[in-house]
C-alpha atoms as a PDB file:
ATOM      1  CA  MET A   1      -4.261  42.974 -65.184  1.00  0.00           C
ATOM      2  CA  GLY A   2      -5.921  45.453 -62.254  1.00  0.00           C
ATOM      3  CA  GLN A   3      -8.919  46.119 -64.254  1.00  0.00           C
ATOM      4  CA  VAL A   4      -9.482  42.500 -65.401  1.00  0.00           C
ATOM      5  CA  VAL A   5      -9.423  41.612 -61.317  1.00  0.00           C
ATOM      6  CA  LEU A   6     -11.954  44.360 -60.444  1.00  0.00           C
ATOM      7  CA  TRP A   7     -14.175  43.297 -63.370  1.00  0.00           C
ATOM      8  CA  SER A   8     -14.258  39.355 -62.776  1.00  0.00           C
ATOM      9  CA  THR A   9     -15.240  40.082 -59.141  1.00  0.00           C
ATOM     10  CA  ILE A  10     -17.637  42.152 -59.794  1.00  0.00           C
ATOM     11  CA  ALA A  11     -18.976  39.609 -62.331  1.00  0.00           C
ATOM     12  CA  GLY A  12     -18.525  36.931 -59.793  1.00  0.00           C
ATOM     13  CA  LEU A  13     -20.386  38.333 -57.222  1.00  0.00           C
ATOM     14  CA  GLY A  14     -23.781  37.795 -58.952  1.00  0.00           C
ATOM     15  CA  THR A  15     -23.600  34.452 -57.679  1.00  0.00           C
ATOM     16  CA  ALA A  16     -23.573  35.822 -54.216  1.00  0.00           C
ATOM     17  CA  LEU A  17     -26.416  38.564 -55.473  1.00  0.00           C
ATOM     18  CA  GLY A  18     -28.463  35.792 -57.039  1.00  0.00           C
ATOM     19  CA  ALA A  19     -28.150  33.682 -53.359  1.00  0.00           C
ATOM     20  CA  SER A  20     -29.281  36.816 -51.414  1.00  0.00           C
ATOM     21  CA  LEU A  21     -32.643  37.212 -53.251  1.00  0.00           C
ATOM     22  CA  VAL A  22     -33.799  33.850 -52.453  1.00  0.00           C
ATOM     23  CA  ILE A  23     -32.350  33.501 -48.836  1.00  0.00           C
ATOM     24  CA  TRP A  24     -35.700  34.766 -47.213  1.00  0.00           C
ATOM     25  CA  GLY A  25     -37.656  32.697 -49.855  1.00  0.00           C
ATOM     26  CA  GLU A  26     -38.524  31.378 -53.672  1.00  0.00           C
ATOM     27  CA  VAL A  27     -38.344  33.740 -56.520  1.00  0.00           C
ATOM     28  CA  PRO A  28     -41.386  33.293 -58.621  1.00  0.00           C
ATOM     29  CA  GLN A  29     -41.013  31.337 -61.312  1.00  0.00           C
ATOM     30  CA  ALA A  30     -41.946  33.416 -64.101  1.00  0.00           C
ATOM     31  CA  ILE A  31     -39.436  35.870 -62.913  1.00  0.00           C
ATOM     32  CA  ARG A  32     -36.763  33.209 -62.973  1.00  0.00           C
ATOM     33  CA  ALA A  33     -37.388  31.849 -66.188  1.00  0.00           C
ATOM     34  CA  PHE A  34     -37.106  35.726 -67.033  1.00  0.00           C
ATOM     35  CA  LEU A  35     -33.581  36.155 -65.856  1.00  0.00           C
ATOM     36  CA  PHE A  36     -31.823  32.635 -66.983  1.00  0.00           C
ATOM     37  CA  GLY A  37     -33.026  33.894 -70.304  1.00  0.00           C
ATOM     38  CA  LEU A  38     -31.991  36.888 -69.997  1.00  0.00           C
ATOM     39  CA  SER A  39     -28.458  35.386 -69.096  1.00  0.00           C
ATOM     40  CA  ALA A  40     -28.284  33.109 -72.370  1.00  0.00           C
ATOM     41  CA  GLY A  41     -29.763  35.693 -74.536  1.00  0.00           C
ATOM     42  CA  VAL A  42     -26.423  38.095 -73.453  1.00  0.00           C
ATOM     43  CA  MET A  43     -24.401  35.047 -73.374  1.00  0.00           C
ATOM     44  CA  VAL A  44     -25.372  34.220 -76.834  1.00  0.00           C
ATOM     45  CA  GLY A  45     -25.081  37.525 -78.520  1.00  0.00           C
ATOM     46  CA  VAL A  46     -21.383  37.851 -76.886  1.00  0.00           C
ATOM     47  CA  VAL A  47     -20.301  35.245 -78.529  1.00  0.00           C
ATOM     48  CA  ALA A  48     -21.683  36.100 -81.666  1.00  0.00           C
ATOM     49  CA  LEU A  49     -20.819  39.623 -82.069  1.00  0.00           C
ATOM     50  CA  ASP A  50     -18.158  40.223 -79.288  1.00  0.00           C
ATOM     51  CA  LEU A  51     -15.983  36.351 -78.876  1.00  0.00           C
ATOM     52  CA  LEU A  52     -15.745  34.643 -82.394  1.00  0.00           C
ATOM     53  CA  PRO A  53     -15.088  38.023 -84.665  1.00  0.00           C
ATOM     54  CA  PRO A  54     -12.115  38.778 -83.317  1.00  0.00           C
ATOM     55  CA  ALA A  55     -10.842  35.129 -82.623  1.00  0.00           C
ATOM     56  CA  LEU A  56     -10.854  35.215 -86.355  1.00  0.00           C
ATOM     57  CA  THR A  57      -9.124  38.202 -86.612  1.00  0.00           C
ATOM     58  CA  GLN A  58      -6.622  37.409 -83.741  1.00  0.00           C
ATOM     59  CA  GLY A  59      -6.486  33.932 -84.972  1.00  0.00           C
ATOM     60  CA  ASN A  60      -7.530  31.705 -87.613  1.00  0.00           C
ATOM     61  CA  SER A  61     -10.232  29.212 -88.532  1.00  0.00           C
ATOM     62  CA  GLN A  62      -8.596  26.179 -87.598  1.00  0.00           C
ATOM     63  CA  GLN A  63      -7.618  27.898 -83.976  1.00  0.00           C
ATOM     64  CA  VAL A  64     -11.420  28.932 -83.576  1.00  0.00           C
ATOM     65  CA  GLY A  65     -12.811  25.078 -84.670  1.00  0.00           C
ATOM     66  CA  LEU A  66     -10.370  23.802 -82.481  1.00  0.00           C
ATOM     67  CA  GLY A  67     -10.882  26.329 -79.585  1.00  0.00           C
ATOM     68  CA  LEU A  68     -14.790  25.866 -79.804  1.00  0.00           C
ATOM     69  CA  GLY A  69     -14.691  22.469 -79.925  1.00  0.00           C
ATOM     70  CA  GLY A  70     -12.732  21.919 -76.948  1.00  0.00           C
ATOM     71  CA  GLY A  71     -14.558  24.279 -74.686  1.00  0.00           C
ATOM     72  CA  ILE A  72     -17.263  22.485 -75.668  1.00  0.00           C
ATOM     73  CA  LEU A  73     -15.533  19.355 -74.417  1.00  0.00           C
ATOM     74  CA  ALA A  74     -14.200  20.669 -71.239  1.00  0.00           C
ATOM     75  CA  ILE A  75     -17.454  21.988 -69.712  1.00  0.00           C
ATOM     76  CA  TYR A  76     -19.323  18.827 -71.118  1.00  0.00           C
ATOM     77  CA  GLY A  77     -16.902  16.891 -69.244  1.00  0.00           C
ATOM     78  CA  LEU A  78     -17.076  18.664 -66.388  1.00  0.00           C
ATOM     79  CA  SER A  79     -20.787  18.561 -65.878  1.00  0.00           C
ATOM     80  CA  ARG A  80     -20.629  14.896 -66.425  1.00  0.00           C
ATOM     81  CA  LEU A  81     -18.101  14.818 -63.511  1.00  0.00           C
ATOM     82  CA  LEU A  82     -20.518  17.325 -61.415  1.00  0.00           C
ATOM     83  CA  ALA A  83     -23.899  16.062 -62.333  1.00  0.00           C
ATOM     84  CA  ALA A  84     -26.449  15.371 -59.751  1.00  0.00           C
ATOM     85  CA  GLU A  85     -30.378  15.189 -59.906  1.00  0.00           C
ATOM     86  CA  ALA A  86     -32.018  18.100 -58.206  1.00  0.00           C
ATOM     87  CA  VAL A  87     -33.293  17.484 -55.160  1.00  0.00           C
ATOM     88  CA  THR A  88     -37.076  19.126 -54.883  1.00  0.00           C
ATOM     89  CA  ALA A  89     -37.743  17.355 -52.314  1.00  0.00           C
ATOM     90  CA  GLY A  90     -36.601  15.546 -49.012  1.00  0.00           C
ATOM     91  CA  SER A  91     -34.540  15.542 -45.897  1.00  0.00           C
ATOM     92  CA  SER A  92     -32.302  18.793 -44.945  1.00  0.00           C
ATOM     93  CA  ARG A  93     -29.310  17.224 -45.675  1.00  0.00           C
ATOM     94  CA  ARG A  94     -30.332  15.877 -49.321  1.00  0.00           C
ATOM     95  CA  LEU A  95     -30.828  19.341 -49.812  1.00  0.00           C
ATOM     96  CA  LEU A  96     -27.173  20.674 -48.213  1.00  0.00           C
ATOM     97  CA  LEU A  97     -25.270  17.804 -50.863  1.00  0.00           C
ATOM     98  CA  SER A  98     -27.466  19.023 -53.721  1.00  0.00           C
ATOM     99  CA  GLY A  99     -26.627  22.917 -53.010  1.00  0.00           C
ATOM    100  CA  TYR A 100     -22.552  21.981 -52.435  1.00  0.00           C
ATOM    101  CA  LEU A 101     -22.880  20.186 -55.779  1.00  0.00           C
ATOM    102  CA  ILE A 102     -24.321  23.000 -57.090  1.00  0.00           C
ATOM    103  CA  ALA A 103     -22.110  25.505 -55.630  1.00  0.00           C
ATOM    104  CA  THR A 104     -19.321  23.106 -56.966  1.00  0.00           C
ATOM    105  CA  ALA A 105     -20.627  22.660 -60.357  1.00  0.00           C
ATOM    106  CA  ILE A 106     -21.272  26.696 -60.657  1.00  0.00           C
ATOM    107  CA  ALA A 107     -17.161  27.476 -59.388  1.00  0.00           C
ATOM    108  CA  MET A 108     -15.788  24.999 -62.103  1.00  0.00           C
ATOM    109  CA  HIS A 109     -17.913  26.731 -64.354  1.00  0.00           C
ATOM    110  CA  ASN A 110     -16.625  30.460 -63.417  1.00  0.00           C
ATOM    111  CA  PHE A 111     -13.468  29.134 -63.864  1.00  0.00           C
ATOM    112  CA  PRO A 112     -13.259  28.951 -67.921  1.00  0.00           C
ATOM    113  CA  GLU A 113     -15.983  32.065 -68.096  1.00  0.00           C
ATOM    114  CA  GLY A 114     -13.354  34.020 -66.020  1.00  0.00           C
ATOM    115  CA  LEU A 115     -10.710  32.833 -68.916  1.00  0.00           C
ATOM    116  CA  ALA A 116     -12.825  34.699 -71.283  1.00  0.00           C
ATOM    117  CA  ILE A 117     -12.566  37.749 -69.515  1.00  0.00           C
ATOM    118  CA  GLY A 118      -8.683  37.394 -68.946  1.00  0.00           C
ATOM    119  CA  ALA A 119      -8.085  36.620 -72.513  1.00  0.00           C
ATOM    120  CA  GLY A 120     -10.901  39.019 -74.097  1.00  0.00           C
ATOM    121  CA  ALA A 121      -8.940  41.736 -72.392  1.00  0.00           C
ATOM    122  CA  VAL A 122      -5.912  40.839 -73.579  1.00  0.00           C
ATOM    123  CA  ALA A 123      -7.434  40.970 -77.132  1.00  0.00           C
ATOM    124  CA  PHE A 124      -9.431  44.337 -77.123  1.00  0.00           C
ATOM    125  CA  PRO A 125      -9.343  46.281 -73.496  1.00  0.00           C
ATOM    126  CA  ARG A 126     -13.020  46.750 -73.486  1.00  0.00           C
ATOM    127  CA  LEU A 127     -14.308  42.921 -74.782  1.00  0.00           C
ATOM    128  CA  GLY A 128     -13.081  41.930 -71.289  1.00  0.00           C
ATOM    129  CA  LEU A 129     -15.159  44.440 -70.066  1.00  0.00           C
ATOM    130  CA  THR A 130     -18.309  43.495 -71.948  1.00  0.00           C
ATOM    131  CA  ILE A 131     -17.569  39.493 -71.430  1.00  0.00           C
ATOM    132  CA  ALA A 132     -17.718  40.508 -67.552  1.00  0.00           C
ATOM    133  CA  VAL A 133     -20.778  42.248 -67.420  1.00  0.00           C
ATOM    134  CA  ALA A 134     -22.528  39.217 -69.316  1.00  0.00           C
ATOM    135  CA  ILE A 135     -21.343  37.191 -66.889  1.00  0.00           C
ATOM    136  CA  GLY A 136     -22.129  38.994 -64.473  1.00  0.00           C
ATOM    137  CA  ILE A 137     -26.252  38.847 -65.585  1.00  0.00           C
ATOM    138  CA  HIS A 138     -25.825  35.469 -66.159  1.00  0.00           C
ATOM    139  CA  ASP A 139     -24.584  34.792 -62.769  1.00  0.00           C
ATOM    140  CA  ILE A 140     -27.439  35.644 -60.880  1.00  0.00           C
ATOM    141  CA  PRO A 141     -30.031  32.828 -61.509  1.00  0.00           C
ATOM    142  CA  GLU A 142     -27.110  30.626 -61.115  1.00  0.00           C
ATOM    143  CA  GLY A 143     -26.501  32.260 -57.577  1.00  0.00           C
ATOM    144  CA  MET A 144     -30.222  31.817 -56.866  1.00  0.00           C
ATOM    145  CA  SER A 145     -30.243  27.714 -57.921  1.00  0.00           C
ATOM    146  CA  LEU A 146     -27.225  27.388 -55.341  1.00  0.00           C
ATOM    147  CA  GLY A 147     -28.984  29.443 -52.674  1.00  0.00           C
ATOM    148  CA  LEU A 148     -31.939  27.755 -52.260  1.00  0.00           C
ATOM    149  CA  PRO A 149     -31.417  24.097 -51.708  1.00  0.00           C
ATOM    150  CA  LEU A 150     -28.914  25.583 -48.884  1.00  0.00           C
ATOM    151  CA  ARG A 151     -31.170  27.282 -47.253  1.00  0.00           C
ATOM    152  CA  MET A 152     -33.889  25.273 -46.871  1.00  0.00           C
ATOM    153  CA  GLY A 153     -31.522  22.999 -45.686  1.00  0.00           C
ATOM    154  CA  GLY A 154     -30.906  25.062 -42.464  1.00  0.00           C
ATOM    155  CA  MET A 155     -27.723  26.735 -43.590  1.00  0.00           C
ATOM    156  CA  ALA A 156     -27.657  29.975 -41.789  1.00  0.00           C
ATOM    157  CA  PRO A 157     -28.071  33.262 -43.956  1.00  0.00           C
ATOM    158  CA  TRP A 158     -24.504  34.439 -43.533  1.00  0.00           C
ATOM    159  CA  LEU A 159     -22.951  31.067 -44.598  1.00  0.00           C
ATOM    160  CA  VAL A 160     -25.353  31.066 -47.832  1.00  0.00           C
ATOM    161  CA  LEU A 161     -23.975  34.248 -48.743  1.00  0.00           C
ATOM    162  CA  ALA A 162     -20.722  32.678 -48.493  1.00  0.00           C
ATOM    163  CA  THR A 163     -20.496  29.796 -50.343  1.00  0.00           C
ATOM    164  CA  ALA A 164     -22.136  31.630 -52.874  1.00  0.00           C
ATOM    165  CA  THR A 165     -19.220  34.419 -53.089  1.00  0.00           C
ATOM    166  CA  GLY A 166     -16.603  31.543 -52.797  1.00  0.00           C
ATOM    167  CA  ALA A 167     -18.051  30.067 -56.224  1.00  0.00           C
ATOM    168  CA  GLY A 168     -18.317  33.572 -57.528  1.00  0.00           C
ATOM    169  CA  LEU A 169     -14.249  34.027 -57.237  1.00  0.00           C
ATOM    170  CA  PHE A 170     -13.044  31.083 -59.282  1.00  0.00           C
ATOM    171  CA  THR A 171     -14.474  34.099 -62.210  1.00  0.00           C
ATOM    172  CA  THR A 172     -11.651  35.982 -60.579  1.00  0.00           C
ATOM    173  CA  ALA A 173      -9.417  33.123 -60.537  1.00  0.00           C
ATOM    174  CA  GLY A 174      -9.572  32.141 -63.923  1.00  0.00           C
ATOM    175  CA  ALA A 175      -9.850  35.825 -65.529  1.00  0.00           C
ATOM    176  CA  VAL A 176      -6.390  36.061 -63.833  1.00  0.00           C
ATOM    177  CA  ALA A 177      -5.224  33.085 -66.028  1.00  0.00           C
ATOM    178  CA  GLY A 178      -6.770  33.727 -68.982  1.00  0.00           C
ATOM    179  CA  TRP A 179      -4.964  37.146 -68.788  1.00  0.00           C
ATOM    180  CA  ILE A 180      -1.647  35.297 -68.415  1.00  0.00           C
ATOM    181  CA  PHE A 181      -1.723  32.446 -70.612  1.00  0.00           C
ATOM    182  CA  ALA A 182      -2.761  35.134 -73.283  1.00  0.00           C
ATOM    183  CA  THR A 183      -0.232  37.877 -72.492  1.00  0.00           C
ATOM    184  CA  MET A 184       2.748  35.235 -72.458  1.00  0.00           C
ATOM    185  CA  ALA A 185       1.215  33.694 -75.972  1.00  0.00           C
ATOM    186  CA  ARG A 186      -0.628  36.420 -77.813  1.00  0.00           C
ATOM    187  CA  ARG A 187      -0.425  34.222 -81.148  1.00  0.00           C
ATOM    188  CA  TYR A 188      -2.721  32.030 -79.317  1.00  0.00           C
ATOM    189  CA  VAL A 189      -5.005  34.521 -78.352  1.00  0.00           C
ATOM    190  CA  GLY A 190      -7.995  33.342 -81.003  1.00  0.00           C
ATOM    191  CA  LEU A 191      -7.912  29.925 -79.516  1.00  0.00           C
ATOM    192  CA  TRP A 192      -8.519  31.242 -75.784  1.00  0.00           C
ATOM    193  CA  LEU A 193     -11.397  33.671 -76.966  1.00  0.00           C
ATOM    194  CA  SER A 194     -13.099  30.450 -78.990  1.00  0.00           C
ATOM    195  CA  LEU A 195     -12.270  28.332 -76.129  1.00  0.00           C
ATOM    196  CA  ALA A 196     -14.363  30.908 -74.063  1.00  0.00           C
ATOM    197  CA  ALA A 197     -17.142  30.778 -76.844  1.00  0.00           C
ATOM    198  CA  GLY A 198     -17.340  27.018 -77.103  1.00  0.00           C
ATOM    199  CA  ALA A 199     -17.489  27.036 -73.296  1.00  0.00           C
ATOM    200  CA  MET A 200     -20.585  29.798 -72.802  1.00  0.00           C
ATOM    201  CA  VAL A 201     -22.290  28.004 -76.056  1.00  0.00           C
ATOM    202  CA  TYR A 202     -22.405  24.657 -74.083  1.00  0.00           C
ATOM    203  CA  VAL A 203     -23.153  25.922 -70.933  1.00  0.00           C
ATOM    204  CA  VAL A 204     -26.271  27.959 -72.636  1.00  0.00           C
ATOM    205  CA  CYS A 205     -27.310  24.897 -74.418  1.00  0.00           C
ATOM    206  CA  GLN A 206     -27.317  22.750 -72.293  1.00  0.00           C
ATOM    207  CA  GLU A 207     -28.089  24.702 -68.823  1.00  0.00           C
ATOM    208  CA  VAL A 208     -29.360  28.136 -69.001  1.00  0.00           C
ATOM    209  CA  TRP A 209     -31.868  27.915 -72.310  1.00  0.00           C
ATOM    210  CA  PRO A 210     -33.602  24.516 -70.488  1.00  0.00           C
ATOM    211  CA  ALA A 211     -33.955  26.460 -67.300  1.00  0.00           C
ATOM    212  CA  ALA A 212     -35.507  29.255 -68.897  1.00  0.00           C
ATOM    213  CA  THR A 213     -38.200  27.636 -70.984  1.00  0.00           C
ATOM    214  CA  GLY A 214     -38.827  24.965 -68.783  1.00  0.00           C
ATOM    215  CA  SER A 215     -40.675  26.221 -66.670  1.00  0.00           C
ATOM    216  CA  ASN A 216     -42.290  29.546 -68.081  1.00  0.00           C
ATOM    217  CA  ARG A 217     -41.691  29.521 -71.403  1.00  0.00           C
ATOM    218  CA  LEU A 218     -42.713  32.932 -72.227  1.00  0.00           C
ATOM    219  CA  GLY A 219     -41.027  34.676 -69.412  1.00  0.00           C
ATOM    220  CA  GLY A 220     -37.690  33.118 -71.269  1.00  0.00           C
ATOM    221  CA  TRP A 221     -38.414  34.367 -74.256  1.00  0.00           C
ATOM    222  CA  LEU A 222     -38.977  37.251 -73.186  1.00  0.00           C
ATOM    223  CA  GLY A 223     -35.571  37.301 -71.279  1.00  0.00           C
ATOM    224  CA  GLY A 224     -33.882  35.826 -73.990  1.00  0.00           C
ATOM    225  CA  MET A 225     -35.057  38.806 -76.524  1.00  0.00           C
ATOM    226  CA  THR A 226     -34.164  41.253 -73.994  1.00  0.00           C
ATOM    227  CA  GLY A 227     -30.933  39.876 -73.176  1.00  0.00           C
ATOM    228  CA  ALA A 228     -29.637  39.337 -76.993  1.00  0.00           C
ATOM    229  CA  ALA A 229     -30.572  43.166 -77.713  1.00  0.00           C
ATOM    230  CA  LEU A 230     -28.941  43.804 -74.083  1.00  0.00           C
ATOM    231  CA  ALA A 231     -25.436  42.270 -75.709  1.00  0.00           C
ATOM    232  CA  VAL A 232     -25.967  44.328 -78.822  1.00  0.00           C
ATOM    233  CA  VAL A 233     -25.903  47.387 -77.036  1.00  0.00           C
ATOM    234  CA  LEU A 234     -23.074  46.253 -74.838  1.00  0.00           C
ATOM    235  CA  THR A 235     -20.958  45.760 -78.580  1.00  0.00           C
ATOM    236  CA  LEU A 236     -22.195  49.475 -79.904  1.00  0.00           C
ATOM    237  CA  MET A 237     -20.947  50.890 -77.111  1.00  0.00           C
ATOM    238  CA  GLU A 238     -17.631  49.093 -77.117  1.00  0.00           C
END
């Protein structure tokens, strides 16, 4: 349990790191696109190489199918519930509202991502660490998207970082819950892993990859290929 808490907390702090990068100004689009692409590549690699194979080994095809569908539907429902148009201009109040909505969405996404860390650690200890690295990378560009509207809306830098840190700590809460659930019902570890895989697939397809290629296609693809290669390296290190 202690390692799960440590790994997930460090991963969640990626949100604060990302927010800190934009406190004093906007990061160039090419760099943002690369970071989003890097996140997408790592997450897809982890799903394909580290989540689905042990899910099939620990469970069965029915559990994996149910988990994938359930993970996708759960995050789709959260996304619809928390959907808000991005604010690119307007009053300070609207910018702050946009930042708060993004922070809420990130917090809600971080919880199921934390579940993946906890459930993965129960299946194979090193798997939890691999997933934590992938999610930590993923949280950096998310923190940037959270921090920019809050700072532009006039929020103090320390409060921007506190908000980002709070959103990131939902990863720790999810990891603890995932560890407890998977430990209490080990025969359903395959289901938990596939639920996490489905959630990550939806986030990549609907949010991360469009953000990577929408503003700078070259940067996004470079990041994606780099992230996929990094996922392979992480798998080989297990």
